[in-house]
Amino acid sequence: MSQLSERIAQFQKMTNDDPDNELGHFRLGQLYMEAEDFEKAIESFNRTLEISPQFSKVYQLLSDCLIKLDRQEEAVSKLTEGWKIADERGDKMPRDAMGDMLKKLNAPVPQVQKKDAYDGPDTGFRCQRPTCMAGRGARQLARPPIPDEIGKRIYREICSECWEEWFKNYSVKVINETRIDLSTEYGQEEYDKYMRSFLGFEEPAGV
């Protein structure tokens, strides 16, 4: 079995064990894309959006799969919907990417809207986790939570709410469900992979 097939099997098991794990379905969709199985990737991305309809990046990848299968009309619909969600959330990178995709399909790009769904104070910090719902109210951690480079990246890019969700809830679930042994090098590596996936970080080269 190839490394890609092993990764697909790993995330298939994760989503079977936890059907409401949007990050698991999202990562599975990415792996199916890598394997050029676009039909299955579409299924995974659609399931992701059922769980987390504000996950703007998913609309971009889902539309890319639809385009590769010559389903342009569906792609335009998803891109338009995703563009509006990304604009409302302030997700500039996926919004602009979807705008470029709409232009290539000769479809109209929606107009930028200055919406302010969050009525509290703007903290000035923008969490980069794809499924973060804090928006302008996201708060930065007081310090890096881990004394290494990944800890510094978490401090720069991840809000305190998302880190707390990982550290106090999801990480416990990962340990209990996968039964990984954190005292071993392999167990720590697996734990780190789950953490990166949860936070929306790209995996390191060779993973």
N, C-alpha and C. Protein backbone atom coordinates (compact mmCIF):
# COMPACT_ATOMS: atom_id res chain seq x y z
N MET A 1 0.84 -1.20 0.00
CA MET A 1 0.00 0.00 0.00
C MET A 1 0.88 1.25 0.00
N SER A 2 0.55 2.20 -0.88
CA SER A 2 1.34 3.42 -0.97
C SER A 2 1.08 4.30 0.25
N GLN A 3 1.96 5.29 0.44
CA GLN A 3 1.82 6.21 1.57
C GLN A 3 0.51 6.99 1.45
N LEU A 4 0.16 7.39 0.22
CA LEU A 4 -1.10 8.12 0.03
C LEU A 4 -2.29 7.25 0.39
N SER A 5 -2.27 6.00 -0.02
CA SER A 5 -3.37 5.08 0.31
C SER A 5 -3.48 4.88 1.82
N GLU A 6 -2.34 4.81 2.48
CA GLU A 6 -2.34 4.66 3.94
C GLU A 6 -2.97 5.88 4.61
N ARG A 7 -2.63 7.07 4.10
CA ARG A 7 -3.20 8.30 4.67
C ARG A 7 -4.70 8.37 4.44
N ILE A 8 -5.14 7.95 3.25
CA ILE A 8 -6.57 7.92 2.95
C ILE A 8 -7.28 6.97 3.90
N ALA A 9 -6.69 5.79 4.10
CA ALA A 9 -7.30 4.81 5.00
C ALA A 9 -7.37 5.36 6.43
N GLN A 10 -6.33 6.08 6.83
CA GLN A 10 -6.30 6.65 8.19
C GLN A 10 -7.45 7.64 8.39
N PHE A 11 -7.66 8.51 7.40
CA PHE A 11 -8.71 9.50 7.55
C PHE A 11 -10.09 8.93 7.27
N GLN A 12 -10.17 7.87 6.49
CA GLN A 12 -11.44 7.17 6.35
C GLN A 12 -11.88 6.60 7.70
N LYS A 13 -10.93 6.02 8.41
CA LYS A 13 -11.24 5.49 9.74
C LYS A 13 -11.64 6.61 10.69
N MET A 14 -10.93 7.74 10.63
CA MET A 14 -11.26 8.86 11.50
C MET A 14 -12.68 9.35 11.27
N THR A 15 -13.07 9.49 10.00
CA THR A 15 -14.41 9.99 9.71
C THR A 15 -15.49 8.95 9.99
N ASN A 16 -15.14 7.68 9.86
CA ASN A 16 -16.10 6.62 10.22
C ASN A 16 -16.32 6.60 11.73
N ASP A 17 -15.24 6.76 12.48
CA ASP A 17 -15.34 6.75 13.94
C ASP A 17 -16.01 8.01 14.47
N ASP A 18 -15.81 9.12 13.76
CA ASP A 18 -16.36 10.40 14.19
C ASP A 18 -16.96 11.10 12.97
N PRO A 19 -18.20 10.76 12.58
CA PRO A 19 -18.81 11.29 11.35
C PRO A 19 -18.97 12.80 11.33
N ASP A 20 -18.93 13.45 12.48
CA ASP A 20 -19.09 14.91 12.54
C ASP A 20 -17.77 15.66 12.64
N ASN A 21 -16.68 14.98 12.32
CA ASN A 21 -15.35 15.60 12.36
C ASN A 21 -15.11 16.32 11.04
N GLU A 22 -15.38 17.62 10.99
CA GLU A 22 -15.25 18.35 9.73
C GLU A 22 -13.82 18.39 9.22
N LEU A 23 -12.84 18.46 10.14
CA LEU A 23 -11.45 18.48 9.70
C LEU A 23 -11.04 17.14 9.10
N GLY A 24 -11.59 16.06 9.63
CA GLY A 24 -11.30 14.75 9.08
C GLY A 24 -11.84 14.62 7.66
N HIS A 25 -13.07 15.05 7.44
CA HIS A 25 -13.67 15.00 6.10
C HIS A 25 -12.92 15.92 5.14
N PHE A 26 -12.52 17.10 5.64
CA PHE A 26 -11.79 18.05 4.82
C PHE A 26 -10.45 17.46 4.37
N ARG A 27 -9.71 16.91 5.30
CA ARG A 27 -8.41 16.32 4.96
C ARG A 27 -8.59 15.12 4.03
N LEU A 28 -9.64 14.33 4.25
CA LEU A 28 -9.89 13.20 3.36
C LEU A 28 -10.16 13.68 1.94
N GLY A 29 -10.92 14.78 1.82
CA GLY A 29 -11.17 15.34 0.50
C GLY A 29 -9.89 15.79 -0.18
N GLN A 30 -8.99 16.40 0.59
CA GLN A 30 -7.70 16.83 0.03
C GLN A 30 -6.90 15.63 -0.47
N LEU A 31 -6.91 14.55 0.30
CA LEU A 31 -6.17 13.35 -0.09
C LEU A 31 -6.77 12.70 -1.33
N TYR A 32 -8.10 12.69 -1.42
CA TYR A 32 -8.74 12.17 -2.63
C TYR A 32 -8.38 13.03 -3.85
N MET A 33 -8.29 14.34 -3.64
CA MET A 33 -7.86 15.21 -4.73
C MET A 33 -6.45 14.84 -5.19
N GLU A 34 -5.58 14.59 -4.22
CA GLU A 34 -4.20 14.22 -4.54
C GLU A 34 -4.17 12.91 -5.32
N ALA A 35 -5.11 12.02 -5.00
CA ALA A 35 -5.19 10.74 -5.70
C ALA A 35 -5.98 10.86 -7.01
N GLU A 36 -6.46 12.06 -7.32
CA GLU A 36 -7.26 12.35 -8.51
C GLU A 36 -8.56 11.57 -8.54
N ASP A 37 -9.09 11.27 -7.37
CA ASP A 37 -10.42 10.66 -7.26
C ASP A 37 -11.39 11.79 -6.90
N PHE A 38 -11.77 12.55 -7.91
CA PHE A 38 -12.51 13.79 -7.67
C PHE A 38 -13.95 13.56 -7.21
N GLU A 39 -14.54 12.47 -7.62
CA GLU A 39 -15.91 12.17 -7.16
C GLU A 39 -15.93 11.97 -5.65
N LYS A 40 -14.98 11.20 -5.15
CA LYS A 40 -14.93 10.96 -3.70
C LYS A 40 -14.52 12.23 -2.96
N ALA A 41 -13.65 13.02 -3.58
CA ALA A 41 -13.27 14.29 -2.97
C ALA A 41 -14.49 15.19 -2.82
N ILE A 42 -15.34 15.23 -3.83
CA ILE A 42 -16.56 16.03 -3.78
C ILE A 42 -17.46 15.56 -2.64
N GLU A 43 -17.59 14.26 -2.48
CA GLU A 43 -18.40 13.72 -1.38
C GLU A 43 -17.87 14.17 -0.03
N SER A 44 -16.56 14.10 0.13
CA SER A 44 -15.95 14.51 1.40
C SER A 44 -16.12 16.00 1.66
N PHE A 45 -15.92 16.80 0.64
CA PHE A 45 -16.06 18.26 0.81
C PHE A 45 -17.52 18.65 1.08
N ASN A 46 -18.45 17.98 0.41
CA ASN A 46 -19.87 18.27 0.68
C ASN A 46 -20.23 17.92 2.11
N ARG A 47 -19.69 16.82 2.60
CA ARG A 47 -19.95 16.43 4.00
C ARG A 47 -19.33 17.46 4.95
N THR A 48 -18.16 17.96 4.60
CA THR A 48 -17.52 19.00 5.42
C THR A 48 -18.43 20.21 5.53
N LEU A 49 -19.02 20.62 4.42
CA LEU A 49 -19.87 21.80 4.42
C LEU A 49 -21.19 21.56 5.14
N GLU A 50 -21.66 20.32 5.16
CA GLU A 50 -22.85 20.01 5.95
C GLU A 50 -22.60 20.26 7.43
N ILE A 51 -21.39 19.94 7.86
CA ILE A 51 -21.02 20.10 9.27
C ILE A 51 -20.62 21.54 9.57
N SER A 52 -19.85 22.14 8.65
CA SER A 52 -19.31 23.48 8.87
C SER A 52 -19.51 24.34 7.62
N PRO A 53 -20.72 24.86 7.43
CA PRO A 53 -21.04 25.60 6.20
C PRO A 53 -20.27 26.91 6.03
N GLN A 54 -19.58 27.39 7.07
CA GLN A 54 -18.81 28.62 6.97
C GLN A 54 -17.34 28.37 6.63
N PHE A 55 -16.98 27.15 6.34
CA PHE A 55 -15.59 26.76 6.04
C PHE A 55 -15.30 27.15 4.59
N SER A 56 -14.87 28.40 4.38
CA SER A 56 -14.80 28.97 3.03
C SER A 56 -13.82 28.25 2.11
N LYS A 57 -12.70 27.79 2.62
CA LYS A 57 -11.71 27.12 1.79
C LYS A 57 -12.28 25.90 1.09
N VAL A 58 -13.24 25.24 1.71
CA VAL A 58 -13.82 24.03 1.14
C VAL A 58 -14.52 24.32 -0.18
N TYR A 59 -15.20 25.47 -0.26
CA TYR A 59 -15.88 25.83 -1.50
C TYR A 59 -14.89 25.94 -2.65
N GLN A 60 -13.73 26.47 -2.37
CA GLN A 60 -12.70 26.60 -3.41
C GLN A 60 -12.25 25.24 -3.92
N LEU A 61 -11.93 24.32 -3.00
CA LEU A 61 -11.45 23.00 -3.40
C LEU A 61 -12.56 22.17 -4.04
N LEU A 62 -13.76 22.27 -3.48
CA LEU A 62 -14.90 21.56 -4.05
C LEU A 62 -15.13 22.01 -5.50
N SER A 63 -15.08 23.30 -5.73
CA SER A 63 -15.29 23.84 -7.07
C SER A 63 -14.19 23.39 -8.03
N ASP A 64 -12.97 23.30 -7.54
CA ASP A 64 -11.87 22.83 -8.36
C ASP A 64 -12.14 21.41 -8.84
N CYS A 65 -12.66 20.57 -7.95
CA CYS A 65 -13.01 19.19 -8.33
C CYS A 65 -14.13 19.17 -9.37
N LEU A 66 -15.13 20.02 -9.16
CA LEU A 66 -16.25 20.07 -10.11
C LEU A 66 -15.77 20.50 -11.49
N ILE A 67 -14.85 21.45 -11.53
CA ILE A 67 -14.31 21.91 -12.81
C ILE A 67 -13.56 20.79 -13.51
N LYS A 68 -12.78 20.03 -12.75
CA LYS A 68 -12.02 18.93 -13.33
C LYS A 68 -12.93 17.85 -13.91
N LEU A 69 -14.16 17.79 -13.42
CA LEU A 69 -15.14 16.82 -13.93
C LEU A 69 -16.09 17.47 -14.93
N ASP A 70 -15.74 18.66 -15.42
CA ASP A 70 -16.53 19.39 -16.41
C ASP A 70 -17.94 19.72 -15.92
N ARG A 71 -18.05 19.98 -14.63
CA ARG A 71 -19.34 20.38 -14.05
C ARG A 71 -19.27 21.87 -13.70
N GLN A 72 -19.08 22.66 -14.76
CA GLN A 72 -18.83 24.10 -14.58
C GLN A 72 -20.00 24.83 -13.95
N GLU A 73 -21.21 24.48 -14.33
CA GLU A 73 -22.37 25.19 -13.78
C GLU A 73 -22.45 25.03 -12.27
N GLU A 74 -22.22 23.80 -11.81
CA GLU A 74 -22.21 23.56 -10.36
C GLU A 74 -21.05 24.32 -9.70
N ALA A 75 -19.92 24.35 -10.39
CA ALA A 75 -18.75 25.03 -9.86
C ALA A 75 -19.03 26.52 -9.67
N VAL A 76 -19.67 27.14 -10.65
CA VAL A 76 -20.00 28.56 -10.55
C VAL A 76 -20.90 28.82 -9.36
N SER A 77 -21.89 27.95 -9.15
CA SER A 77 -22.81 28.11 -8.02
C SER A 77 -22.06 28.03 -6.69
N LYS A 78 -21.18 27.04 -6.56
CA LYS A 78 -20.43 26.86 -5.32
C LYS A 78 -19.41 27.99 -5.11
N LEU A 79 -18.78 28.42 -6.19
CA LEU A 79 -17.81 29.50 -6.08
C LEU A 79 -18.48 30.80 -5.65
N THR A 80 -19.65 31.06 -6.20
CA THR A 80 -20.39 32.28 -5.84
C THR A 80 -20.80 32.24 -4.37
N GLU A 81 -21.30 31.09 -3.94
CA GLU A 81 -21.70 30.93 -2.55
C GLU A 81 -20.48 31.04 -1.62
N GLY A 82 -19.41 30.36 -2.01
CA GLY A 82 -18.20 30.38 -1.18
C GLY A 82 -17.56 31.76 -1.12
N TRP A 83 -17.59 32.49 -2.26
CA TRP A 83 -17.02 33.84 -2.29
C TRP A 83 -17.73 34.73 -1.28
N LYS A 84 -19.05 34.66 -1.25
CA LYS A 84 -19.83 35.51 -0.34
C LYS A 84 -19.54 35.17 1.12
N ILE A 85 -19.41 33.88 1.41
CA ILE A 85 -19.11 33.47 2.78
C ILE A 85 -17.71 33.92 3.18
N ALA A 86 -16.74 33.75 2.27
CA ALA A 86 -15.37 34.17 2.56
C ALA A 86 -15.30 35.68 2.77
N ASP A 87 -16.04 36.43 1.97
CA ASP A 87 -16.05 37.88 2.10
C ASP A 87 -16.64 38.30 3.44
N GLU A 88 -17.72 37.65 3.83
CA GLU A 88 -18.37 37.97 5.10
C GLU A 88 -17.49 37.66 6.29
N ARG A 89 -16.72 36.58 6.18
CA ARG A 89 -15.84 36.16 7.28
C ARG A 89 -14.51 36.89 7.28
N GLY A 90 -14.19 37.55 6.19
CA GLY A 90 -12.88 38.20 6.10
C GLY A 90 -11.78 37.25 5.68
N ASP A 91 -12.15 36.13 5.02
CA ASP A 91 -11.17 35.17 4.53
C ASP A 91 -10.69 35.61 3.15
N LYS A 92 -9.75 36.52 3.13
CA LYS A 92 -9.36 37.19 1.88
C LYS A 92 -8.74 36.24 0.87
N MET A 93 -7.86 35.35 1.29
CA MET A 93 -7.16 34.49 0.34
C MET A 93 -8.09 33.56 -0.42
N PRO A 94 -8.95 32.78 0.27
CA PRO A 94 -9.88 31.94 -0.49
C PRO A 94 -10.88 32.76 -1.29
N ARG A 95 -11.28 33.92 -0.77
CA ARG A 95 -12.22 34.77 -1.51
C ARG A 95 -11.61 35.20 -2.84
N ASP A 96 -10.37 35.69 -2.80
CA ASP A 96 -9.72 36.16 -4.02
C ASP A 96 -9.45 35.01 -4.99
N ALA A 97 -9.10 33.84 -4.43
CA ALA A 97 -8.86 32.68 -5.29
C ALA A 97 -10.14 32.27 -6.00
N MET A 98 -11.25 32.29 -5.29
CA MET A 98 -12.53 31.93 -5.91
C MET A 98 -12.97 32.99 -6.92
N GLY A 99 -12.63 34.25 -6.65
CA GLY A 99 -12.92 35.30 -7.61
C GLY A 99 -12.18 35.07 -8.92
N ASP A 100 -10.91 34.67 -8.83
CA ASP A 100 -10.12 34.37 -10.03
C ASP A 100 -10.72 33.18 -10.79
N MET A 101 -11.19 32.19 -10.05
CA MET A 101 -11.79 31.02 -10.69
C MET A 101 -13.08 31.40 -11.42
N LEU A 102 -13.87 32.26 -10.81
CA LEU A 102 -15.10 32.72 -11.47
C LEU A 102 -14.78 33.47 -12.76
N LYS A 103 -13.75 34.29 -12.73
CA LYS A 103 -13.36 35.03 -13.93
C LYS A 103 -12.95 34.09 -15.05
N LYS A 104 -12.22 33.05 -14.72
CA LYS A 104 -11.78 32.08 -15.73
C LYS A 104 -12.96 31.32 -16.33
N LEU A 105 -14.04 31.23 -15.55
CA LEU A 105 -15.25 30.57 -16.05
C LEU A 105 -16.21 31.56 -16.70
N ASN A 106 -15.74 32.80 -16.86
CA ASN A 106 -16.56 33.87 -17.45
C ASN A 106 -17.86 34.08 -16.68
N ALA A 107 -17.77 33.95 -15.37
CA ALA A 107 -18.92 34.15 -14.49
C ALA A 107 -18.71 35.43 -13.68
N PRO A 108 -19.79 36.10 -13.31
CA PRO A 108 -19.65 37.35 -12.54
C PRO A 108 -19.11 37.11 -11.14
N VAL A 109 -18.27 38.03 -10.68
CA VAL A 109 -17.73 37.98 -9.33
C VAL A 109 -18.56 38.91 -8.45
N PRO A 110 -19.06 38.43 -7.32
CA PRO A 110 -19.86 39.31 -6.44
C PRO A 110 -19.07 40.54 -5.99
N GLN A 111 -19.78 41.54 -5.58
CA GLN A 111 -19.16 42.76 -5.10
C GLN A 111 -18.79 42.62 -3.62
N VAL A 112 -17.68 43.22 -3.25
CA VAL A 112 -17.24 43.19 -1.85
C VAL A 112 -18.27 43.91 -0.99
N GLN A 113 -18.67 43.26 0.07
CA GLN A 113 -19.65 43.84 1.00
C GLN A 113 -18.98 44.12 2.33
N LYS A 114 -19.21 45.28 2.87
CA LYS A 114 -18.66 45.62 4.18
C LYS A 114 -19.69 45.29 5.24
N LYS A 115 -19.68 44.02 5.61
CA LYS A 115 -20.64 43.55 6.61
C LYS A 115 -19.96 43.49 7.97
N ASP A 116 -20.75 43.62 8.99
CA ASP A 116 -20.20 43.62 10.35
C ASP A 116 -21.09 42.78 11.25
N ALA A 117 -21.01 41.45 11.02
CA ALA A 117 -21.86 40.56 11.80
C ALA A 117 -21.46 40.56 13.27
N TYR A 118 -20.20 40.81 13.52
CA TYR A 118 -19.72 40.84 14.90
C TYR A 118 -19.85 42.26 15.44
N ASP A 119 -20.63 42.43 16.51
CA ASP A 119 -20.89 43.78 17.00
C ASP A 119 -20.04 44.15 18.22
N GLY A 120 -19.06 43.31 18.55
CA GLY A 120 -18.16 43.62 19.65
C GLY A 120 -16.94 44.38 19.16
N PRO A 121 -15.99 44.64 20.03
CA PRO A 121 -14.78 45.37 19.64
C PRO A 121 -13.88 44.53 18.74
N ASP A 122 -13.23 45.19 17.80
CA ASP A 122 -12.28 44.53 16.91
C ASP A 122 -10.97 44.36 17.67
N THR A 123 -10.57 43.10 17.87
CA THR A 123 -9.34 42.84 18.63
C THR A 123 -8.09 43.11 17.79
N GLY A 124 -8.25 43.16 16.48
CA GLY A 124 -7.11 43.37 15.61
C GLY A 124 -6.36 42.10 15.26
N PHE A 125 -6.75 40.97 15.87
CA PHE A 125 -6.09 39.70 15.60
C PHE A 125 -6.99 38.86 14.71
N ARG A 126 -6.41 38.23 13.69
CA ARG A 126 -7.17 37.38 12.78
C ARG A 126 -6.66 35.95 12.86
N CYS A 127 -7.49 35.06 13.36
CA CYS A 127 -7.13 33.66 13.45
C CYS A 127 -7.10 33.05 12.05
N GLN A 128 -6.08 32.24 11.77
CA GLN A 128 -5.92 31.63 10.46
C GLN A 128 -6.47 30.22 10.38
N ARG A 129 -7.04 29.72 11.46
CA ARG A 129 -7.63 28.38 11.40
C ARG A 129 -8.86 28.43 10.48
N PRO A 130 -8.97 27.53 9.49
CA PRO A 130 -10.04 27.62 8.51
C PRO A 130 -11.45 27.64 9.09
N THR A 131 -11.69 26.93 10.19
CA THR A 131 -13.04 26.84 10.73
C THR A 131 -13.28 27.76 11.92
N CYS A 132 -12.35 28.66 12.21
CA CYS A 132 -12.54 29.58 13.33
C CYS A 132 -13.75 30.47 13.08
N MET A 133 -14.60 30.61 14.09
CA MET A 133 -15.80 31.43 13.96
C MET A 133 -15.70 32.73 14.75
N ALA A 134 -14.54 33.02 15.33
CA ALA A 134 -14.42 34.20 16.18
C ALA A 134 -14.41 35.50 15.38
N GLY A 135 -13.94 35.43 14.12
CA GLY A 135 -13.92 36.62 13.29
C GLY A 135 -13.09 37.75 13.90
N ARG A 136 -13.67 38.96 13.89
CA ARG A 136 -12.95 40.13 14.41
C ARG A 136 -12.80 40.09 15.93
N GLY A 137 -13.50 39.15 16.58
CA GLY A 137 -13.40 39.05 18.03
C GLY A 137 -12.35 38.06 18.50
N ALA A 138 -11.59 37.48 17.54
CA ALA A 138 -10.56 36.51 17.91
C ALA A 138 -9.50 37.15 18.79
N ARG A 139 -9.05 36.42 19.79
CA ARG A 139 -8.04 36.93 20.71
C ARG A 139 -6.77 36.10 20.62
N GLN A 140 -5.65 36.79 20.57
CA GLN A 140 -4.36 36.12 20.48
C GLN A 140 -3.97 35.52 21.83
N LEU A 141 -3.26 34.41 21.78
CA LEU A 141 -2.72 33.81 22.99
C LEU A 141 -1.74 34.78 23.66
N ALA A 142 -1.60 34.64 24.95
CA ALA A 142 -0.69 35.52 25.69
C ALA A 142 0.77 35.24 25.35
N ARG A 143 1.05 33.99 24.96
CA ARG A 143 2.42 33.59 24.64
C ARG A 143 2.37 32.29 23.83
N PRO A 144 3.45 31.90 23.17
CA PRO A 144 3.47 30.62 22.45
C PRO A 144 3.16 29.47 23.42
N PRO A 145 2.23 28.59 23.07
CA PRO A 145 1.84 27.51 24.00
C PRO A 145 2.85 26.38 24.08
N ILE A 146 3.76 26.32 23.10
CA ILE A 146 4.77 25.27 23.04
C ILE A 146 6.11 25.95 22.78
N PRO A 147 7.18 25.56 23.49
CA PRO A 147 8.48 26.24 23.34
C PRO A 147 9.28 25.77 22.14
N ASP A 148 8.69 25.87 20.94
CA ASP A 148 9.41 25.51 19.72
C ASP A 148 8.84 26.31 18.56
N GLU A 149 9.26 25.98 17.34
CA GLU A 149 8.82 26.75 16.17
C GLU A 149 7.33 26.62 15.92
N ILE A 150 6.77 25.42 16.12
CA ILE A 150 5.32 25.25 15.90
C ILE A 150 4.54 26.07 16.92
N GLY A 151 5.09 26.16 18.13
CA GLY A 151 4.45 26.98 19.16
C GLY A 151 4.42 28.45 18.76
N LYS A 152 5.52 28.91 18.15
CA LYS A 152 5.57 30.30 17.69
C LYS A 152 4.56 30.54 16.57
N ARG A 153 4.41 29.53 15.70
CA ARG A 153 3.43 29.68 14.62
C ARG A 153 2.01 29.72 15.16
N ILE A 154 1.74 28.87 16.15
CA ILE A 154 0.41 28.87 16.78
C ILE A 154 0.13 30.24 17.39
N TYR A 155 1.12 30.80 18.04
CA TYR A 155 0.97 32.13 18.66
C TYR A 155 0.66 33.19 17.60
N ARG A 156 1.33 33.10 16.44
CA ARG A 156 1.14 34.10 15.38
C ARG A 156 -0.20 33.94 14.67
N GLU A 157 -0.67 32.70 14.52
CA GLU A 157 -1.77 32.45 13.59
C GLU A 157 -3.07 31.93 14.22
N ILE A 158 -3.01 31.40 15.42
CA ILE A 158 -4.18 30.73 16.00
C ILE A 158 -4.68 31.49 17.22
N CYS A 159 -6.00 31.68 17.30
CA CYS A 159 -6.57 32.42 18.43
C CYS A 159 -6.64 31.53 19.67
N SER A 160 -6.84 32.17 20.79
CA SER A 160 -6.87 31.44 22.06
C SER A 160 -8.05 30.47 22.12
N GLU A 161 -9.19 30.84 21.50
CA GLU A 161 -10.36 29.98 21.54
C GLU A 161 -10.11 28.67 20.79
N CYS A 162 -9.49 28.77 19.61
CA CYS A 162 -9.21 27.56 18.83
C CYS A 162 -8.17 26.69 19.52
N TRP A 163 -7.17 27.32 20.13
CA TRP A 163 -6.16 26.53 20.84
C TRP A 163 -6.78 25.81 22.03
N GLU A 164 -7.64 26.50 22.76
CA GLU A 164 -8.30 25.87 23.90
C GLU A 164 -9.17 24.70 23.45
N GLU A 165 -9.84 24.87 22.29
CA GLU A 165 -10.68 23.79 21.76
C GLU A 165 -9.84 22.56 21.45
N TRP A 166 -8.63 22.78 20.88
CA TRP A 166 -7.73 21.66 20.61
C TRP A 166 -7.21 21.06 21.91
N PHE A 167 -6.64 21.90 22.75
CA PHE A 167 -5.90 21.41 23.90
C PHE A 167 -6.80 20.74 24.95
N LYS A 168 -7.98 21.32 25.19
CA LYS A 168 -8.84 20.82 26.26
C LYS A 168 -9.87 19.80 25.79
N ASN A 169 -10.19 19.82 24.50
CA ASN A 169 -11.25 18.93 24.02
C ASN A 169 -10.78 17.94 22.96
N TYR A 170 -10.40 18.48 21.80
CA TYR A 170 -10.13 17.59 20.67
C TYR A 170 -8.91 16.72 20.89
N SER A 171 -7.85 17.24 21.49
CA SER A 171 -6.65 16.43 21.69
C SER A 171 -6.93 15.25 22.61
N VAL A 172 -7.79 15.47 23.60
CA VAL A 172 -8.17 14.38 24.51
C VAL A 172 -8.91 13.30 23.74
N LYS A 173 -9.78 13.75 22.84
CA LYS A 173 -10.54 12.81 22.01
C LYS A 173 -9.60 12.00 21.12
N VAL A 174 -8.61 12.66 20.54
CA VAL A 174 -7.64 11.97 19.69
C VAL A 174 -6.90 10.90 20.47
N ILE A 175 -6.42 11.26 21.65
CA ILE A 175 -5.66 10.31 22.47
C ILE A 175 -6.53 9.11 22.86
N ASN A 176 -7.77 9.39 23.25
CA ASN A 176 -8.66 8.31 23.68
C ASN A 176 -9.06 7.39 22.54
N GLU A 177 -9.35 7.99 21.36
CA GLU A 177 -9.84 7.20 20.24
C GLU A 177 -8.74 6.46 19.50
N THR A 178 -7.58 7.08 19.37
CA THR A 178 -6.48 6.43 18.63
C THR A 178 -5.57 5.62 19.55
N ARG A 179 -5.67 5.89 20.85
CA ARG A 179 -4.84 5.19 21.85
C ARG A 179 -3.35 5.32 21.56
N ILE A 180 -2.95 6.49 21.09
CA ILE A 180 -1.54 6.71 20.82
C ILE A 180 -0.78 6.89 22.13
N ASP A 181 0.44 6.41 22.12
CA ASP A 181 1.30 6.48 23.30
C ASP A 181 2.23 7.68 23.15
N LEU A 182 1.96 8.74 23.90
CA LEU A 182 2.74 9.97 23.76
C LEU A 182 4.16 9.83 24.32
N SER A 183 4.44 8.74 24.98
CA SER A 183 5.80 8.53 25.50
C SER A 183 6.74 8.02 24.42
N THR A 184 6.19 7.66 23.24
CA THR A 184 7.00 7.16 22.15
C THR A 184 7.15 8.23 21.07
N GLU A 185 8.21 8.11 20.29
CA GLU A 185 8.43 9.08 19.20
C GLU A 185 7.32 8.99 18.17
N TYR A 186 6.91 7.76 17.84
CA TYR A 186 5.83 7.57 16.87
C TYR A 186 4.53 8.19 17.37
N GLY A 187 4.22 7.97 18.64
CA GLY A 187 2.99 8.52 19.21
C GLY A 187 2.98 10.03 19.18
N GLN A 188 4.12 10.64 19.47
CA GLN A 188 4.21 12.10 19.45
C GLN A 188 4.05 12.63 18.03
N GLU A 189 4.63 11.91 17.06
CA GLU A 189 4.51 12.33 15.66
C GLU A 189 3.05 12.27 15.21
N GLU A 190 2.34 11.19 15.59
CA GLU A 190 0.94 11.07 15.22
C GLU A 190 0.10 12.17 15.88
N TYR A 191 0.39 12.44 17.13
CA TYR A 191 -0.32 13.51 17.84
C TYR A 191 -0.12 14.84 17.13
N ASP A 192 1.11 15.12 16.72
CA ASP A 192 1.43 16.37 16.03
C ASP A 192 0.69 16.47 14.70
N LYS A 193 0.55 15.33 14.00
CA LYS A 193 -0.18 15.33 12.73
C LYS A 193 -1.64 15.73 12.94
N TYR A 194 -2.25 15.16 13.97
CA TYR A 194 -3.65 15.50 14.28
C TYR A 194 -3.76 16.98 14.66
N MET A 195 -2.80 17.46 15.42
CA MET A 195 -2.84 18.87 15.83
C MET A 195 -2.74 19.78 14.62
N ARG A 196 -1.81 19.48 13.72
CA ARG A 196 -1.66 20.30 12.52
C ARG A 196 -2.93 20.29 11.68
N SER A 197 -3.52 19.12 11.56
CA SER A 197 -4.76 19.02 10.79
C SER A 197 -5.87 19.85 11.42
N PHE A 198 -6.00 19.76 12.74
CA PHE A 198 -7.04 20.51 13.45
C PHE A 198 -6.84 22.01 13.28
N LEU A 199 -5.61 22.47 13.35
CA LEU A 199 -5.31 23.90 13.27
C LEU A 199 -5.28 24.41 11.83
N GLY A 200 -5.34 23.48 10.87
CA GLY A 200 -5.34 23.90 9.48
C GLY A 200 -3.97 24.15 8.92
N PHE A 201 -2.92 23.63 9.57
CA PHE A 201 -1.56 23.82 9.09
C PHE A 201 -1.25 22.77 8.02
N GLU A 202 -0.46 23.16 7.04
CA GLU A 202 0.01 22.19 6.07
C GLU A 202 0.97 21.26 6.77
N GLU A 203 0.94 20.00 6.32
CA GLU A 203 1.82 19.03 6.95
C GLU A 203 3.25 19.24 6.48
N PRO A 204 4.22 18.91 7.31
CA PRO A 204 5.62 19.07 6.92
C PRO A 204 5.98 18.16 5.77
N ALA A 205 6.99 18.53 5.01
CA ALA A 205 7.42 17.74 3.86
C ALA A 205 7.75 16.32 4.29
N GLY A 206 7.32 15.34 3.46
CA GLY A 206 7.61 13.95 3.75
C GLY A 206 6.56 13.26 4.56
N VAL A 207 5.50 13.99 5.01
CA VAL A 207 4.47 13.35 5.81
C VAL A 207 3.43 12.76 4.90
